[in-house]
Amino acid sequence: MRSCRGVGASLSAEAVAQWEKEHLALLAQIAPASFEVQHYAAMAELRKKDG
C-alpha cells in the first residue's frame, strides 16, 4: 500500500512512520491473520516515431 499510493515518496519520514502505525492498526481490526494478495502487472513497450 505504501509504494502503490506514493506514500513513501510524498511524505516525510515521520509522516510515513505515523501512516504505517495507523495502517497496521487498521489491518489488525479488519483483515484476517493470513490472506493472499492478488497482484496485477502491466507493461507497455513504447517507441519513438521517426521524423
PDB file of N, CA and C in Angstrom:
ATOM      1  N   MET A   1       0.831  -1.193   0.000  1.00  0.00           N
ATOM      2  CA  MET A   1       0.000   0.000   0.000  1.00  0.00           C
ATOM      3  C   MET A   1       0.867   1.245   0.000  1.00  0.00           C
ATOM      4  N   ARG A   2       1.943   1.185   0.727  1.00  0.00           N
ATOM      5  CA  ARG A   2       2.787   2.379   0.816  1.00  0.00           C
ATOM      6  C   ARG A   2       3.356   2.745  -0.548  1.00  0.00           C
ATOM      7  N   SER A   3       3.887   1.778  -1.272  1.00  0.00           N
ATOM      8  CA  SER A   3       4.516   2.108  -2.550  1.00  0.00           C
ATOM      9  C   SER A   3       3.513   2.384  -3.657  1.00  0.00           C
ATOM     10  N   CYS A   4       2.403   1.672  -3.684  1.00  0.00           N
ATOM     11  CA  CYS A   4       1.462   1.858  -4.792  1.00  0.00           C
ATOM     12  C   CYS A   4       0.702   3.179  -4.692  1.00  0.00           C
ATOM     13  N   ARG A   5       0.659   3.773  -3.553  1.00  0.00           N
ATOM     14  CA  ARG A   5      -0.030   5.044  -3.384  1.00  0.00           C
ATOM     15  C   ARG A   5       0.933   6.215  -3.244  1.00  0.00           C
ATOM     16  N   GLY A   6       2.223   5.977  -3.386  1.00  0.00           N
ATOM     17  CA  GLY A   6       3.184   7.059  -3.305  1.00  0.00           C
ATOM     18  C   GLY A   6       3.389   7.594  -1.899  1.00  0.00           C
ATOM     19  N   VAL A   7       2.968   6.846  -0.900  1.00  0.00           N
ATOM     20  CA  VAL A   7       3.070   7.318   0.479  1.00  0.00           C
ATOM     21  C   VAL A   7       4.525   7.581   0.838  1.00  0.00           C
ATOM     22  N   GLY A   8       5.394   6.624   0.569  1.00  0.00           N
ATOM     23  CA  GLY A   8       6.798   6.776   0.922  1.00  0.00           C
ATOM     24  C   GLY A   8       7.494   7.906   0.175  1.00  0.00           C
ATOM     25  N   ALA A   9       7.062   8.178  -1.031  1.00  0.00           N
ATOM     26  CA  ALA A   9       7.707   9.205  -1.838  1.00  0.00           C
ATOM     27  C   ALA A   9       7.182  10.602  -1.557  1.00  0.00           C
ATOM     28  N   SER A  10       6.001  10.706  -0.987  1.00  0.00           N
ATOM     29  CA  SER A  10       5.392  12.028  -0.847  1.00  0.00           C
ATOM     30  C   SER A  10       5.348  12.557   0.580  1.00  0.00           C
ATOM     31  N   LEU A  11       5.762  11.750   1.564  1.00  0.00           N
ATOM     32  CA  LEU A  11       5.695  12.176   2.954  1.00  0.00           C
ATOM     33  C   LEU A  11       7.072  12.178   3.608  1.00  0.00           C
ATOM     34  N   SER A  12       7.197  12.916   4.689  1.00  0.00           N
ATOM     35  CA  SER A  12       8.441  12.908   5.470  1.00  0.00           C
ATOM     36  C   SER A  12       8.573  11.566   6.184  1.00  0.00           C
ATOM     37  N   ALA A  13       9.759  11.281   6.708  1.00  0.00           N
ATOM     38  CA  ALA A  13       9.986  10.021   7.427  1.00  0.00           C
ATOM     39  C   ALA A  13       9.048   9.906   8.634  1.00  0.00           C
ATOM     40  N   GLU A  14       8.823  11.002   9.325  1.00  0.00           N
ATOM     41  CA  GLU A  14       7.933  10.990  10.486  1.00  0.00           C
ATOM     42  C   GLU A  14       6.485  10.709  10.063  1.00  0.00           C
ATOM     43  N   ALA A  15       6.068  11.322   8.971  1.00  0.00           N
ATOM     44  CA  ALA A  15       4.710  11.113   8.477  1.00  0.00           C
ATOM     45  C   ALA A  15       4.523   9.675   7.990  1.00  0.00           C
ATOM     46  N   VAL A  16       5.549   9.105   7.369  1.00  0.00           N
ATOM     47  CA  VAL A  16       5.473   7.713   6.918  1.00  0.00           C
ATOM     48  C   VAL A  16       5.344   6.789   8.126  1.00  0.00           C
ATOM     49  N   ALA A  17       6.099   7.045   9.174  1.00  0.00           N
ATOM     50  CA  ALA A  17       6.020   6.226  10.381  1.00  0.00           C
ATOM     51  C   ALA A  17       4.614   6.285  10.983  1.00  0.00           C
ATOM     52  N   GLN A  18       4.026   7.462  11.005  1.00  0.00           N
ATOM     53  CA  GLN A  18       2.661   7.615  11.528  1.00  0.00           C
ATOM     54  C   GLN A  18       1.663   6.894  10.632  1.00  0.00           C
ATOM     55  N   TRP A  19       1.831   7.023   9.322  1.00  0.00           N
ATOM     56  CA  TRP A  19       0.944   6.344   8.379  1.00  0.00           C
ATOM     57  C   TRP A  19       1.011   4.833   8.580  1.00  0.00           C
ATOM     58  N   GLU A  20       2.237   4.289   8.715  1.00  0.00           N
ATOM     59  CA  GLU A  20       2.403   2.852   8.910  1.00  0.00           C
ATOM     60  C   GLU A  20       1.744   2.397  10.204  1.00  0.00           C
ATOM     61  N   LYS A  21       1.895   3.166  11.269  1.00  0.00           N
ATOM     62  CA  LYS A  21       1.275   2.833  12.551  1.00  0.00           C
ATOM     63  C   LYS A  21      -0.250   2.751  12.404  1.00  0.00           C
ATOM     64  N   GLU A  22      -0.827   3.756  11.761  1.00  0.00           N
ATOM     65  CA  GLU A  22      -2.279   3.780  11.564  1.00  0.00           C
ATOM     66  C   GLU A  22      -2.741   2.653  10.639  1.00  0.00           C
ATOM     67  N   HIS A  23      -1.973   2.389   9.588  1.00  0.00           N
ATOM     68  CA  HIS A  23      -2.329   1.346   8.628  1.00  0.00           C
ATOM     69  C   HIS A  23      -2.306  -0.033   9.292  1.00  0.00           C
ATOM     70  N   LEU A  24      -1.263  -0.312  10.080  1.00  0.00           N
ATOM     71  CA  LEU A  24      -1.175  -1.601  10.764  1.00  0.00           C
ATOM     72  C   LEU A  24      -2.300  -1.768  11.787  1.00  0.00           C
ATOM     73  N   ALA A  25      -2.676  -0.692  12.461  1.00  0.00           N
ATOM     74  CA  ALA A  25      -3.790  -0.747  13.407  1.00  0.00           C
ATOM     75  C   ALA A  25      -5.095  -1.066  12.668  1.00  0.00           C
ATOM     76  N   LEU A  26      -5.296  -0.453  11.513  1.00  0.00           N
ATOM     77  CA  LEU A  26      -6.488  -0.729  10.714  1.00  0.00           C
ATOM     78  C   LEU A  26      -6.510  -2.187  10.255  1.00  0.00           C
ATOM     79  N   LEU A  27      -5.371  -2.674   9.760  1.00  0.00           N
ATOM     80  CA  LEU A  27      -5.315  -4.062   9.312  1.00  0.00           C
ATOM     81  C   LEU A  27      -5.607  -5.030  10.454  1.00  0.00           C
ATOM     82  N   ALA A  28      -5.121  -4.728  11.644  1.00  0.00           N
ATOM     83  CA  ALA A  28      -5.378  -5.585  12.806  1.00  0.00           C
ATOM     84  C   ALA A  28      -6.874  -5.674  13.094  1.00  0.00           C
ATOM     85  N   GLN A  29      -7.612  -4.619  12.770  1.00  0.00           N
ATOM     86  CA  GLN A  29      -9.059  -4.594  13.012  1.00  0.00           C
ATOM     87  C   GLN A  29      -9.865  -5.266  11.908  1.00  0.00           C
ATOM     88  N   ILE A  30      -9.456  -5.097  10.657  1.00  0.00           N
ATOM     89  CA  ILE A  30     -10.325  -5.512   9.547  1.00  0.00           C
ATOM     90  C   ILE A  30      -9.836  -6.698   8.721  1.00  0.00           C
ATOM     91  N   ALA A  31      -8.566  -7.063   8.844  1.00  0.00           N
ATOM     92  CA  ALA A  31      -8.017  -8.113   7.977  1.00  0.00           C
ATOM     93  C   ALA A  31      -7.813  -9.410   8.745  1.00  0.00           C
ATOM     94  N   PRO A  32      -7.984 -10.539   8.063  1.00  0.00           N
ATOM     95  CA  PRO A  32      -7.691 -11.809   8.726  1.00  0.00           C
ATOM     96  C   PRO A  32      -6.187 -11.934   8.981  1.00  0.00           C
ATOM     97  N   ALA A  33      -5.805 -12.872   9.837  1.00  0.00           N
ATOM     98  CA  ALA A  33      -4.384 -13.051  10.190  1.00  0.00           C
ATOM     99  C   ALA A  33      -3.545 -13.436   8.977  1.00  0.00           C
ATOM    100  N   SER A  34      -4.145 -14.140   8.031  1.00  0.00           N
ATOM    101  CA  SER A  34      -3.420 -14.576   6.838  1.00  0.00           C
ATOM    102  C   SER A  34      -4.337 -14.431   5.627  1.00  0.00           C
ATOM    103  N   PHE A  35      -3.790 -13.916   4.545  1.00  0.00           N
ATOM    104  CA  PHE A  35      -4.563 -13.779   3.319  1.00  0.00           C
ATOM    105  C   PHE A  35      -3.629 -13.657   2.130  1.00  0.00           C
ATOM    106  N   GLU A  36      -4.142 -13.965   0.939  1.00  0.00           N
ATOM    107  CA  GLU A  36      -3.360 -13.855  -0.280  1.00  0.00           C
ATOM    108  C   GLU A  36      -3.635 -12.518  -0.946  1.00  0.00           C
ATOM    109  N   VAL A  37      -2.601 -11.917  -1.458  1.00  0.00           N
ATOM    110  CA  VAL A  37      -2.728 -10.650  -2.175  1.00  0.00           C
ATOM    111  C   VAL A  37      -2.624 -10.949  -3.663  1.00  0.00           C
ATOM    112  N   GLN A  38      -3.668 -10.610  -4.389  1.00  0.00           N
ATOM    113  CA  GLN A  38      -3.669 -10.798  -5.841  1.00  0.00           C
ATOM    114  C   GLN A  38      -2.944  -9.616  -6.478  1.00  0.00           C
ATOM    115  N   HIS A  39      -1.968  -9.895  -7.300  1.00  0.00           N
ATOM    116  CA  HIS A  39      -1.197  -8.834  -7.940  1.00  0.00           C
ATOM    117  C   HIS A  39      -1.589  -8.699  -9.404  1.00  0.00           C
ATOM    118  N   TYR A  40      -1.428  -7.510  -9.914  1.00  0.00           N
ATOM    119  CA  TYR A  40      -1.693  -7.214 -11.311  1.00  0.00           C
ATOM    120  C   TYR A  40      -0.490  -6.460 -11.852  1.00  0.00           C
ATOM    121  N   ALA A  41      -0.009  -6.861 -12.965  1.00  0.00           N
ATOM    122  CA  ALA A  41       1.118  -6.170 -13.583  1.00  0.00           C
ATOM    123  C   ALA A  41       0.772  -5.857 -15.032  1.00  0.00           C
ATOM    124  N   ALA A  42       1.222  -4.715 -15.489  1.00  0.00           N
ATOM    125  CA  ALA A  42       1.006  -4.328 -16.882  1.00  0.00           C
ATOM    126  C   ALA A  42       2.303  -3.734 -17.415  1.00  0.00           C
ATOM    127  N   MET A  43       2.528  -3.921 -18.693  1.00  0.00           N
ATOM    128  CA  MET A  43       3.740  -3.395 -19.303  1.00  0.00           C
ATOM    129  C   MET A  43       3.384  -2.837 -20.680  1.00  0.00           C
ATOM    130  N   ALA A  44       3.981  -1.733 -20.998  1.00  0.00           N
ATOM    131  CA  ALA A  44       3.781  -1.142 -22.326  1.00  0.00           C
ATOM    132  C   ALA A  44       5.147  -0.907 -22.943  1.00  0.00           C
ATOM    133  N   GLU A  45       5.293  -1.268 -24.195  1.00  0.00           N
ATOM    134  CA  GLU A  45       6.538  -1.013 -24.906  1.00  0.00           C
ATOM    135  C   GLU A  45       6.291   0.166 -25.835  1.00  0.00           C
ATOM    136  N   LEU A  46       6.958   1.256 -25.580  1.00  0.00           N
ATOM    137  CA  LEU A  46       6.770   2.481 -26.352  1.00  0.00           C
ATOM    138  C   LEU A  46       7.971   2.703 -27.270  1.00  0.00           C
ATOM    139  N   ARG A  47       7.704   3.218 -28.436  1.00  0.00           N
ATOM    140  CA  ARG A  47       8.774   3.523 -29.383  1.00  0.00           C
ATOM    141  C   ARG A  47       8.602   4.926 -29.892  1.00  0.00           C
ATOM    142  N   LYS A  48       9.706   5.599 -30.044  1.00  0.00           N
ATOM    143  CA  LYS A  48       9.701   6.957 -30.590  1.00  0.00           C
ATOM    144  C   LYS A  48       9.488   6.883 -32.099  1.00  0.00           C
ATOM    145  N   LYS A  49       8.559   7.710 -32.592  1.00  0.00           N
ATOM    146  CA  LYS A  49       8.317   7.760 -34.031  1.00  0.00           C
ATOM    147  C   LYS A  49       9.465   8.479 -34.718  1.00  0.00           C
ATOM    148  N   ASP A  50       9.850   7.994 -35.883  1.00  0.00           N
ATOM    149  CA  ASP A  50      10.869   8.701 -36.688  1.00  0.00           C
ATOM    150  C   ASP A  50      10.225   9.902 -37.359  1.00  0.00           C
ATOM    151  N   GLY A  51      10.994  10.989 -37.388  1.00  0.00           N
ATOM    152  CA  GLY A  51      10.518  12.135 -38.140  1.00  0.00           C
ATOM    153  C   GLY A  51       9.982  13.162 -37.305  1.00  0.00           C
TER     154      GLY A  51
END
